[in-house]
């Protein structure tokens, strides 16, 4: 079971730039697009949290990753909530064009 181009495009829309072979391996192991996206996002969050969330150089600059961690947590929660409330599998949906007059 490998990712189709449409499934890969969906994961890229959720995750940004990602290695296709890595996503393929995760998809084979986990079985759903939602599980792949959540696992990648959780790894990104863990990487940010493992380092200091804020670094200050007195009088020069402050760099904080707190908002990035919160954004990842919101995205993870959104994916999990969508999977729970939706009976349809989470994944790419076809776009339909309205007929022009």
PDB file of N, CA and C in Angstrom:
ATOM      1  N   UNK A   1       0.847  -1.172   0.000  1.00  0.00           N
ATOM      2  CA  UNK A   1       0.000   0.000   0.000  1.00  0.00           C
ATOM      3  C   UNK A   1       0.896   1.240   0.000  1.00  0.00           C
ATOM      4  N   UNK A   2       0.956   1.908  -1.131  1.00  0.00           N
ATOM      5  CA  UNK A   2       1.753   3.123  -1.231  1.00  0.00           C
ATOM      6  C   UNK A   2       0.834   4.311  -1.487  1.00  0.00           C
ATOM      7  N   UNK A   3       1.352   5.489  -1.228  1.00  0.00           N
ATOM      8  CA  UNK A   3       0.573   6.705  -1.415  1.00  0.00           C
ATOM      9  C   UNK A   3       0.338   6.993  -2.889  1.00  0.00           C
ATOM     10  N   UNK A   4      -0.881   7.368  -3.205  1.00  0.00           N
ATOM     11  CA  UNK A   4      -1.157   7.854  -4.554  1.00  0.00           C
ATOM     12  C   UNK A   4      -0.725   9.310  -4.620  1.00  0.00           C
ATOM     13  N   UNK A   5      -0.691   9.865  -5.822  1.00  0.00           N
ATOM     14  CA  UNK A   5      -0.325  11.274  -5.971  1.00  0.00           C
ATOM     15  C   UNK A   5      -1.297  12.180  -5.229  1.00  0.00           C
ATOM     16  N   UNK A   6      -2.572  11.830  -5.234  1.00  0.00           N
ATOM     17  CA  UNK A   6      -3.585  12.633  -4.553  1.00  0.00           C
ATOM     18  C   UNK A   6      -3.389  12.583  -3.040  1.00  0.00           C
ATOM     19  N   UNK A   7      -3.116  11.411  -2.507  1.00  0.00           N
ATOM     20  CA  UNK A   7      -2.881  11.271  -1.065  1.00  0.00           C
ATOM     21  C   UNK A   7      -1.613  12.013  -0.646  1.00  0.00           C
ATOM     22  N   UNK A   8      -0.582  11.924  -1.475  1.00  0.00           N
ATOM     23  CA  UNK A   8       0.656  12.641  -1.177  1.00  0.00           C
ATOM     24  C   UNK A   8       0.419  14.147  -1.195  1.00  0.00           C
ATOM     25  N   UNK A   9      -0.373  14.618  -2.150  1.00  0.00           N
ATOM     26  CA  UNK A   9      -0.699  16.044  -2.211  1.00  0.00           C
ATOM     27  C   UNK A   9      -1.455  16.485  -0.961  1.00  0.00           C
ATOM     28  N   UNK A  10      -2.367  15.649  -0.498  1.00  0.00           N
ATOM     29  CA  UNK A  10      -3.104  15.977   0.729  1.00  0.00           C
ATOM     30  C   UNK A  10      -2.137  16.096   1.914  1.00  0.00           C
ATOM     31  N   UNK A  11      -1.243  15.121   2.070  1.00  0.00           N
ATOM     32  CA  UNK A  11      -0.299  15.172   3.184  1.00  0.00           C
ATOM     33  C   UNK A  11       0.604  16.395   3.089  1.00  0.00           C
ATOM     34  N   UNK A  12       1.000  16.744   1.885  1.00  0.00           N
ATOM     35  CA  UNK A  12       1.820  17.959   1.722  1.00  0.00           C
ATOM     36  C   UNK A  12       1.040  19.205   2.105  1.00  0.00           C
ATOM     37  N   UNK A  13      -0.268  19.205   1.843  1.00  0.00           N
ATOM     38  CA  UNK A  13      -1.071  20.369   2.221  1.00  0.00           C
ATOM     39  C   UNK A  13      -1.187  20.485   3.742  1.00  0.00           C
ATOM     40  N   UNK A  14      -1.137  19.374   4.450  1.00  0.00           N
ATOM     41  CA  UNK A  14      -1.196  19.384   5.913  1.00  0.00           C
ATOM     42  C   UNK A  14       0.173  19.624   6.544  1.00  0.00           C
ATOM     43  N   UNK A  15       1.221  19.073   5.930  1.00  0.00           N
ATOM     44  CA  UNK A  15       2.532  19.039   6.560  1.00  0.00           C
ATOM     45  C   UNK A  15       3.566  19.975   5.951  1.00  0.00           C
ATOM     46  N   UNK A  16       3.296  20.479   4.774  1.00  0.00           N
ATOM     47  CA  UNK A  16       4.325  21.222   4.071  1.00  0.00           C
ATOM     48  C   UNK A  16       5.244  20.254   3.349  1.00  0.00           C
ATOM     49  N   UNK A  17       6.442  20.689   3.058  1.00  0.00           N
ATOM     50  CA  UNK A  17       7.383  19.847   2.325  1.00  0.00           C
ATOM     51  C   UNK A  17       7.772  18.637   3.165  1.00  0.00           C
ATOM     52  N   UNK A  18       7.606  17.446   2.597  1.00  0.00           N
ATOM     53  CA  UNK A  18       7.927  16.211   3.316  1.00  0.00           C
ATOM     54  C   UNK A  18       8.438  15.178   2.319  1.00  0.00           C
ATOM     55  N   UNK A  19       9.305  14.317   2.800  1.00  0.00           N
ATOM     56  CA  UNK A  19       9.895  13.275   1.976  1.00  0.00           C
ATOM     57  C   UNK A  19       8.853  12.202   1.665  1.00  0.00           C
ATOM     58  N   UNK A  20       8.648  11.935   0.378  1.00  0.00           N
ATOM     59  CA  UNK A  20       7.610  10.985  -0.022  1.00  0.00           C
ATOM     60  C   UNK A  20       7.908   9.567   0.457  1.00  0.00           C
ATOM     61  N   UNK A  21       9.159   9.147   0.402  1.00  0.00           N
ATOM     62  CA  UNK A  21       9.481   7.779   0.832  1.00  0.00           C
ATOM     63  C   UNK A  21       9.237   7.611   2.332  1.00  0.00           C
ATOM     64  N   UNK A  22       9.516   8.645   3.123  1.00  0.00           N
ATOM     65  CA  UNK A  22       9.239   8.599   4.553  1.00  0.00           C
ATOM     66  C   UNK A  22       7.730   8.499   4.798  1.00  0.00           C
ATOM     67  N   UNK A  23       6.952   9.294   4.072  1.00  0.00           N
ATOM     68  CA  UNK A  23       5.495   9.259   4.223  1.00  0.00           C
ATOM     69  C   UNK A  23       4.933   7.912   3.771  1.00  0.00           C
ATOM     70  N   UNK A  24       5.493   7.359   2.691  1.00  0.00           N
ATOM     71  CA  UNK A  24       5.069   6.033   2.217  1.00  0.00           C
ATOM     72  C   UNK A  24       5.284   4.964   3.294  1.00  0.00           C
ATOM     73  N   UNK A  25       6.467   4.987   3.915  1.00  0.00           N
ATOM     74  CA  UNK A  25       6.776   4.001   4.959  1.00  0.00           C
ATOM     75  C   UNK A  25       5.824   4.152   6.149  1.00  0.00           C
ATOM     76  N   UNK A  26       5.557   5.382   6.535  1.00  0.00           N
ATOM     77  CA  UNK A  26       4.625   5.622   7.645  1.00  0.00           C
ATOM     78  C   UNK A  26       3.218   5.157   7.271  1.00  0.00           C
ATOM     79  N   UNK A  27       2.810   5.416   6.038  1.00  0.00           N
ATOM     80  CA  UNK A  27       1.463   5.032   5.589  1.00  0.00           C
ATOM     81  C   UNK A  27       1.315   3.513   5.589  1.00  0.00           C
ATOM     82  N   UNK A  28       2.350   2.807   5.167  1.00  0.00           N
ATOM     83  CA  UNK A  28       2.304   1.341   5.193  1.00  0.00           C
ATOM     84  C   UNK A  28       2.203   0.828   6.621  1.00  0.00           C
ATOM     85  N   UNK A  29       2.892   1.474   7.541  1.00  0.00           N
ATOM     86  CA  UNK A  29       2.893   1.033   8.942  1.00  0.00           C
ATOM     87  C   UNK A  29       1.611   1.430   9.663  1.00  0.00           C
ATOM     88  N   UNK A  30       1.107   2.656   9.433  1.00  0.00           N
ATOM     89  CA  UNK A  30      -0.025   3.176  10.200  1.00  0.00           C
ATOM     90  C   UNK A  30      -1.384   2.946   9.529  1.00  0.00           C
ATOM     91  N   UNK A  31      -1.414   2.960   8.192  1.00  0.00           N
ATOM     92  CA  UNK A  31      -2.641   2.615   7.483  1.00  0.00           C
ATOM     93  C   UNK A  31      -3.600   3.728   7.132  1.00  0.00           C
ATOM     94  N   UNK A  32      -3.467   4.917   7.757  1.00  0.00           N
ATOM     95  CA  UNK A  32      -4.366   6.026   7.407  1.00  0.00           C
ATOM     96  C   UNK A  32      -3.575   7.309   7.214  1.00  0.00           C
ATOM     97  N   UNK A  33      -4.122   8.185   6.390  1.00  0.00           N
ATOM     98  CA  UNK A  33      -3.490   9.480   6.155  1.00  0.00           C
ATOM     99  C   UNK A  33      -3.475  10.321   7.423  1.00  0.00           C
ATOM    100  N   UNK A  34      -4.567  10.260   8.166  1.00  0.00           N
ATOM    101  CA  UNK A  34      -4.677  11.036   9.396  1.00  0.00           C
ATOM    102  C   UNK A  34      -3.603  10.620  10.396  1.00  0.00           C
ATOM    103  N   UNK A  35      -3.375   9.335  10.545  1.00  0.00           N
ATOM    104  CA  UNK A  35      -2.360   8.843  11.481  1.00  0.00           C
ATOM    105  C   UNK A  35      -0.960   9.285  11.059  1.00  0.00           C
ATOM    106  N   UNK A  36      -0.707   9.286   9.764  1.00  0.00           N
ATOM    107  CA  UNK A  36       0.596   9.744   9.257  1.00  0.00           C
ATOM    108  C   UNK A  36       0.790  11.220   9.586  1.00  0.00           C
ATOM    109  N   UNK A  37      -0.220  12.041   9.293  1.00  0.00           N
ATOM    110  CA  UNK A  37      -0.116  13.478   9.546  1.00  0.00           C
ATOM    111  C   UNK A  37       0.076  13.765  11.033  1.00  0.00           C
ATOM    112  N   UNK A  38      -0.684  13.086  11.874  1.00  0.00           N
ATOM    113  CA  UNK A  38      -0.574  13.311  13.319  1.00  0.00           C
ATOM    114  C   UNK A  38       0.807  12.898  13.827  1.00  0.00           C
ATOM    115  N   UNK A  39       1.317  11.770  13.359  1.00  0.00           N
ATOM    116  CA  UNK A  39       2.638  11.315  13.814  1.00  0.00           C
ATOM    117  C   UNK A  39       3.728  12.315  13.430  1.00  0.00           C
ATOM    118  N   UNK A  40       3.703  12.805  12.207  1.00  0.00           N
ATOM    119  CA  UNK A  40       4.714  13.777  11.766  1.00  0.00           C
ATOM    120  C   UNK A  40       4.609  15.068  12.583  1.00  0.00           C
ATOM    121  N   UNK A  41       3.382  15.539  12.799  1.00  0.00           N
ATOM    122  CA  UNK A  41       3.198  16.769  13.573  1.00  0.00           C
ATOM    123  C   UNK A  41       3.634  16.590  15.022  1.00  0.00           C
ATOM    124  N   UNK A  42       3.370  15.436  15.599  1.00  0.00           N
ATOM    125  CA  UNK A  42       3.817  15.180  16.978  1.00  0.00           C
ATOM    126  C   UNK A  42       5.338  15.136  17.071  1.00  0.00           C
ATOM    127  N   UNK A  43       5.997  14.582  16.067  1.00  0.00           N
ATOM    128  CA  UNK A  43       7.466  14.574  16.054  1.00  0.00           C
ATOM    129  C   UNK A  43       8.006  15.991  15.951  1.00  0.00           C
ATOM    130  N   UNK A  44       7.377  16.819  15.129  1.00  0.00           N
ATOM    131  CA  UNK A  44       7.818  18.214  15.009  1.00  0.00           C
ATOM    132  C   UNK A  44       7.643  18.952  16.330  1.00  0.00           C
ATOM    133  N   UNK A  45       6.514  18.712  17.000  1.00  0.00           N
ATOM    134  CA  UNK A  45       6.271  19.339  18.300  1.00  0.00           C
ATOM    135  C   UNK A  45       7.313  18.872  19.311  1.00  0.00           C
ATOM    136  N   UNK A  46       7.612  17.579  19.339  1.00  0.00           N
ATOM    137  CA  UNK A  46       8.596  17.045  20.275  1.00  0.00           C
ATOM    138  C   UNK A  46       9.975  17.654  20.035  1.00  0.00           C
ATOM    139  N   UNK A  47      10.331  17.865  18.785  1.00  0.00           N
ATOM    140  CA  UNK A  47      11.620  18.482  18.459  1.00  0.00           C
ATOM    141  C   UNK A  47      11.692  19.904  19.004  1.00  0.00           C
ATOM    142  N   UNK A  48      10.606  20.661  18.830  1.00  0.00           N
ATOM    143  CA  UNK A  48      10.592  22.034  19.342  1.00  0.00           C
ATOM    144  C   UNK A  48      10.650  22.064  20.870  1.00  0.00           C
ATOM    145  N   UNK A  49       9.925  21.172  21.516  1.00  0.00           N
ATOM    146  CA  UNK A  49       9.848  21.169  22.975  1.00  0.00           C
ATOM    147  C   UNK A  49      11.151  20.683  23.609  1.00  0.00           C
ATOM    148  N   UNK A  50      11.896  19.846  22.898  1.00  0.00           N
ATOM    149  CA  UNK A  50      13.138  19.312  23.466  1.00  0.00           C
ATOM    150  C   UNK A  50      14.218  20.380  23.620  1.00  0.00           C
ATOM    151  N   UNK A  51      14.133  21.449  22.858  1.00  0.00           N
ATOM    152  CA  UNK A  51      15.059  22.574  22.988  1.00  0.00           C
ATOM    153  C   UNK A  51      14.392  23.661  23.829  1.00  0.00           C
ATOM    154  N   UNK A  52      15.174  24.613  24.336  1.00  0.00           N
ATOM    155  CA  UNK A  52      14.549  25.727  25.059  1.00  0.00           C
ATOM    156  C   UNK A  52      13.535  26.435  24.147  1.00  0.00           C
ATOM    157  N   UNK A  53      12.346  26.739  24.708  1.00  0.00           N
ATOM    158  CA  UNK A  53      11.313  27.376  23.900  1.00  0.00           C
ATOM    159  C   UNK A  53      11.630  28.829  23.601  1.00  0.00           C
ATOM    160  N   UNK A  54      12.413  29.466  24.450  1.00  0.00           N
ATOM    161  CA  UNK A  54      12.765  30.867  24.215  1.00  0.00           C
ATOM    162  C   UNK A  54      14.235  31.085  24.541  1.00  0.00           C
ATOM    163  N   UNK A  55      14.887  31.859  23.695  1.00  0.00           N
ATOM    164  CA  UNK A  55      16.284  32.229  23.901  1.00  0.00           C
ATOM    165  C   UNK A  55      16.372  33.739  23.783  1.00  0.00           C
ATOM    166  N   UNK A  56      17.017  34.373  24.779  1.00  0.00           N
ATOM    167  CA  UNK A  56      17.145  35.828  24.780  1.00  0.00           C
ATOM    168  C   UNK A  56      18.608  36.205  24.844  1.00  0.00           C
ATOM    169  N   UNK A  57      19.016  37.071  23.934  1.00  0.00           N
ATOM    170  CA  UNK A  57      20.330  37.698  24.001  1.00  0.00           C
ATOM    171  C   UNK A  57      20.053  39.113  24.506  1.00  0.00           C
ATOM    172  N   UNK A  58      20.483  39.373  25.733  1.00  0.00           N
ATOM    173  CA  UNK A  58      20.125  40.606  26.429  1.00  0.00           C
ATOM    174  C   UNK A  58      20.369  41.849  25.580  1.00  0.00           C
ATOM    175  N   UNK A  59      19.312  42.589  25.353  1.00  0.00           N
ATOM    176  CA  UNK A  59      19.399  43.839  24.611  1.00  0.00           C
ATOM    177  C   UNK A  59      19.509  43.671  23.108  1.00  0.00           C
ATOM    178  N   UNK A  60      19.537  42.431  22.597  1.00  0.00           N
ATOM    179  CA  UNK A  60      19.701  42.222  21.159  1.00  0.00           C
ATOM    180  C   UNK A  60      18.456  41.600  20.539  1.00  0.00           C
ATOM    181  N   UNK A  61      18.100  40.419  20.993  1.00  0.00           N
ATOM    182  CA  UNK A  61      16.961  39.728  20.376  1.00  0.00           C
ATOM    183  C   UNK A  61      16.425  38.638  21.292  1.00  0.00           C
ATOM    184  N   UNK A  62      15.163  38.298  21.049  1.00  0.00           N
ATOM    185  CA  UNK A  62      14.524  37.164  21.710  1.00  0.00           C
ATOM    186  C   UNK A  62      13.890  36.299  20.640  1.00  0.00           C
ATOM    187  N   UNK A  63      14.152  35.002  20.719  1.00  0.00           N
ATOM    188  CA  UNK A  63      13.555  34.054  19.779  1.00  0.00           C
ATOM    189  C   UNK A  63      12.715  33.083  20.604  1.00  0.00           C
ATOM    190  N   UNK A  64      11.427  32.954  20.231  1.00  0.00           N
ATOM    191  CA  UNK A  64      10.525  32.084  20.971  1.00  0.00           C
ATOM    192  C   UNK A  64       9.806  31.138  20.016  1.00  0.00           C
ATOM    193  N   UNK A  65       9.755  29.872  20.399  1.00  0.00           N
ATOM    194  CA  UNK A  65       9.036  28.868  19.611  1.00  0.00           C
ATOM    195  C   UNK A  65       7.702  28.490  20.237  1.00  0.00           C
ATOM    196  N   UNK A  66       7.283  29.220  21.251  1.00  0.00           N
ATOM    197  CA  UNK A  66       6.050  28.901  21.962  1.00  0.00           C
ATOM    198  C   UNK A  66       4.846  28.898  21.035  1.00  0.00           C
ATOM    199  N   UNK A  67       4.728  29.894  20.194  1.00  0.00           N
ATOM    200  CA  UNK A  67       3.576  29.965  19.277  1.00  0.00           C
ATOM    201  C   UNK A  67       3.611  28.853  18.236  1.00  0.00           C
ATOM    202  N   UNK A  68       4.798  28.444  17.823  1.00  0.00           N
ATOM    203  CA  UNK A  68       4.903  27.324  16.879  1.00  0.00           C
ATOM    204  C   UNK A  68       4.395  26.037  17.526  1.00  0.00           C
ATOM    205  N   UNK A  69       4.747  25.830  18.797  1.00  0.00           N
ATOM    206  CA  UNK A  69       4.277  24.643  19.517  1.00  0.00           C
ATOM    207  C   UNK A  69       2.759  24.687  19.642  1.00  0.00           C
ATOM    208  N   UNK A  70       2.216  25.842  19.996  1.00  0.00           N
ATOM    209  CA  UNK A  70       0.757  25.967  20.115  1.00  0.00           C
ATOM    210  C   UNK A  70       0.066  25.724  18.781  1.00  0.00           C
ATOM    211  N   UNK A  71       0.644  26.231  17.709  1.00  0.00           N
ATOM    212  CA  UNK A  71       0.049  26.022  16.380  1.00  0.00           C
ATOM    213  C   UNK A  71       0.047  24.542  16.008  1.00  0.00           C
ATOM    214  N   UNK A  72       1.133  23.839  16.297  1.00  0.00           N
ATOM    215  CA  UNK A  72       1.186  22.399  16.029  1.00  0.00           C
ATOM    216  C   UNK A  72       0.149  21.655  16.868  1.00  0.00           C
ATOM    217  N   UNK A  73      -0.002  22.044  18.128  1.00  0.00           N
ATOM    218  CA  UNK A  73      -0.994  21.399  18.986  1.00  0.00           C
ATOM    219  C   UNK A  73      -2.411  21.626  18.461  1.00  0.00           C
ATOM    220  N   UNK A  74      -2.700  22.840  17.982  1.00  0.00           N
ATOM    221  CA  UNK A  74      -4.030  23.113  17.400  1.00  0.00           C
ATOM    222  C   UNK A  74      -4.252  22.291  16.141  1.00  0.00           C
ATOM    223  N   UNK A  75      -3.231  22.163  15.311  1.00  0.00           N
ATOM    224  CA  UNK A  75      -3.365  21.386  14.081  1.00  0.00           C
ATOM    225  C   UNK A  75      -3.582  19.907  14.397  1.00  0.00           C
ATOM    226  N   UNK A  76      -2.865  19.383  15.363  1.00  0.00           N
ATOM    227  CA  UNK A  76      -3.048  17.985  15.778  1.00  0.00           C
ATOM    228  C   UNK A  76      -4.455  17.782  16.312  1.00  0.00           C
ATOM    229  N   UNK A  77      -4.899  18.688  17.183  1.00  0.00           N
ATOM    230  CA  UNK A  77      -6.249  18.568  17.747  1.00  0.00           C
ATOM    231  C   UNK A  77      -7.305  18.637  16.655  1.00  0.00           C
ATOM    232  N   UNK A  78      -7.101  19.497  15.666  1.00  0.00           N
ATOM    233  CA  UNK A  78      -8.051  19.597  14.556  1.00  0.00           C
ATOM    234  C   UNK A  78      -8.128  18.323  13.740  1.00  0.00           C
ATOM    235  N   UNK A  79      -6.991  17.711  13.478  1.00  0.00           N
ATOM    236  CA  UNK A  79      -6.981  16.449  12.736  1.00  0.00           C
ATOM    237  C   UNK A  79      -7.665  15.332  13.520  1.00  0.00           C
ATOM    238  N   UNK A  80      -7.382  15.271  14.814  1.00  0.00           N
ATOM    239  CA  UNK A  80      -7.998  14.235  15.638  1.00  0.00           C
ATOM    240  C   UNK A  80      -9.501  14.447  15.775  1.00  0.00           C
ATOM    241  N   UNK A  81      -9.919  15.700  15.934  1.00  0.00           N
ATOM    242  CA  UNK A  81     -11.353  15.992  16.056  1.00  0.00           C
ATOM    243  C   UNK A  81     -12.082  15.693  14.751  1.00  0.00           C
ATOM    244  N   UNK A  82     -11.464  16.011  13.633  1.00  0.00           N
ATOM    245  CA  UNK A  82     -12.085  15.740  12.334  1.00  0.00           C
ATOM    246  C   UNK A  82     -12.238  14.242  12.122  1.00  0.00           C
ATOM    247  N   UNK A  83     -11.277  13.470  12.580  1.00  0.00           N
ATOM    248  CA  UNK A  83     -11.348  12.015  12.413  1.00  0.00           C
ATOM    249  C   UNK A  83     -12.439  11.413  13.292  1.00  0.00           C
ATOM    250  N   UNK A  84     -12.652  11.988  14.478  1.00  0.00           N
ATOM    251  CA  UNK A  84     -13.657  11.464  15.396  1.00  0.00           C
ATOM    252  C   UNK A  84     -15.065  11.808  14.928  1.00  0.00           C
ATOM    253  N   UNK A  85     -15.271  13.040  14.451  1.00  0.00           N
ATOM    254  CA  UNK A  85     -16.608  13.490  14.074  1.00  0.00           C
ATOM    255  C   UNK A  85     -17.016  13.076  12.675  1.00  0.00           C
ATOM    256  N   UNK A  86     -16.064  12.672  11.878  1.00  0.00           N
ATOM    257  CA  UNK A  86     -16.355  12.328  10.491  1.00  0.00           C
ATOM    258  C   UNK A  86     -16.434  10.820  10.328  1.00  0.00           C
ATOM    259  N   UNK A  87     -17.484  10.371   9.636  1.00  0.00           N
ATOM    260  CA  UNK A  87     -17.580   8.952   9.327  1.00  0.00           C
ATOM    261  C   UNK A  87     -16.771   8.619   8.084  1.00  0.00           C
ATOM    262  N   UNK A  88     -16.597   9.602   7.205  1.00  0.00           N
ATOM    263  CA  UNK A  88     -15.814   9.400   5.991  1.00  0.00           C
ATOM    264  C   UNK A  88     -14.334   9.447   6.343  1.00  0.00           C
ATOM    265  N   UNK A  89     -13.502   8.702   5.647  1.00  0.00           N
ATOM    266  CA  UNK A  89     -12.073   8.742   5.939  1.00  0.00           C
ATOM    267  C   UNK A  89     -11.488  10.116   5.634  1.00  0.00           C
ATOM    268  N   UNK A  90     -10.588  10.560   6.494  1.00  0.00           N
ATOM    269  CA  UNK A  90      -9.933  11.839   6.312  1.00  0.00           C
ATOM    270  C   UNK A  90      -8.958  11.713   5.156  1.00  0.00           C
ATOM    271  N   UNK A  91      -9.025  12.617   4.223  1.00  0.00           N
ATOM    272  CA  UNK A  91      -8.126  12.552   3.084  1.00  0.00           C
ATOM    273  C   UNK A  91      -8.520  13.554   2.036  1.00  0.00           C
ATOM    274  N   UNK A  92      -7.931  13.465   0.890  1.00  0.00           N
ATOM    275  CA  UNK A  92      -8.205  14.427  -0.157  1.00  0.00           C
ATOM    276  C   UNK A  92      -9.634  14.288  -0.680  1.00  0.00           C
ATOM    277  N   UNK A  93     -10.220  15.413  -1.005  1.00  0.00           N
ATOM    278  CA  UNK A  93     -11.559  15.434  -1.581  1.00  0.00           C
ATOM    279  C   UNK A  93     -11.496  16.113  -2.935  1.00  0.00           C
ATOM    280  N   UNK A  94     -12.262  15.640  -3.897  1.00  0.00           N
ATOM    281  CA  UNK A  94     -12.248  16.288  -5.210  1.00  0.00           C
ATOM    282  C   UNK A  94     -12.945  17.643  -5.139  1.00  0.00           C
ATOM    283  N   UNK A  95     -12.420  18.594  -5.876  1.00  0.00           N
ATOM    284  CA  UNK A  95     -13.044  19.907  -5.973  1.00  0.00           C
ATOM    285  C   UNK A  95     -13.980  19.915  -7.167  1.00  0.00           C
ATOM    286  N   UNK A  96     -15.160  20.408  -6.951  1.00  0.00           N
ATOM    287  CA  UNK A  96     -16.141  20.472  -8.022  1.00  0.00           C
ATOM    288  C   UNK A  96     -16.293  21.914  -8.476  1.00  0.00           C
ATOM    289  N   UNK A  97     -16.291  22.127  -9.754  1.00  0.00           N
ATOM    290  CA  UNK A  97     -16.463  23.471 -10.296  1.00  0.00           C
ATOM    291  C   UNK A  97     -17.928  23.753 -10.519  1.00  0.00           C
ATOM    292  N   UNK A  98     -18.293  24.977 -10.222  1.00  0.00           N
ATOM    293  CA  UNK A  98     -19.660  25.375 -10.514  1.00  0.00           C
ATOM    294  C   UNK A  98     -19.784  25.634 -12.001  1.00  0.00           C
ATOM    295  N   UNK A  99     -20.936  25.319 -12.509  1.00  0.00           N
ATOM    296  CA  UNK A  99     -21.170  25.571 -13.928  1.00  0.00           C
ATOM    297  C   UNK A  99     -21.253  27.071 -14.158  1.00  0.00           C
ATOM    298  N   UNK A 100     -20.617  27.528 -15.210  1.00  0.00           N
ATOM    299  CA  UNK A 100     -20.720  28.947 -15.553  1.00  0.00           C
ATOM    300  C   UNK A 100     -21.998  29.190 -16.305  1.00  0.00           C
ATOM    301  N   UNK A 101     -22.484  30.378 -16.217  1.00  0.00           N
ATOM    302  CA  UNK A 101     -23.765  30.699 -16.871  1.00  0.00           C
ATOM    303  C   UNK A 101     -23.595  31.049 -18.304  1.00  0.00           C
TER     304      UNK A 101
END
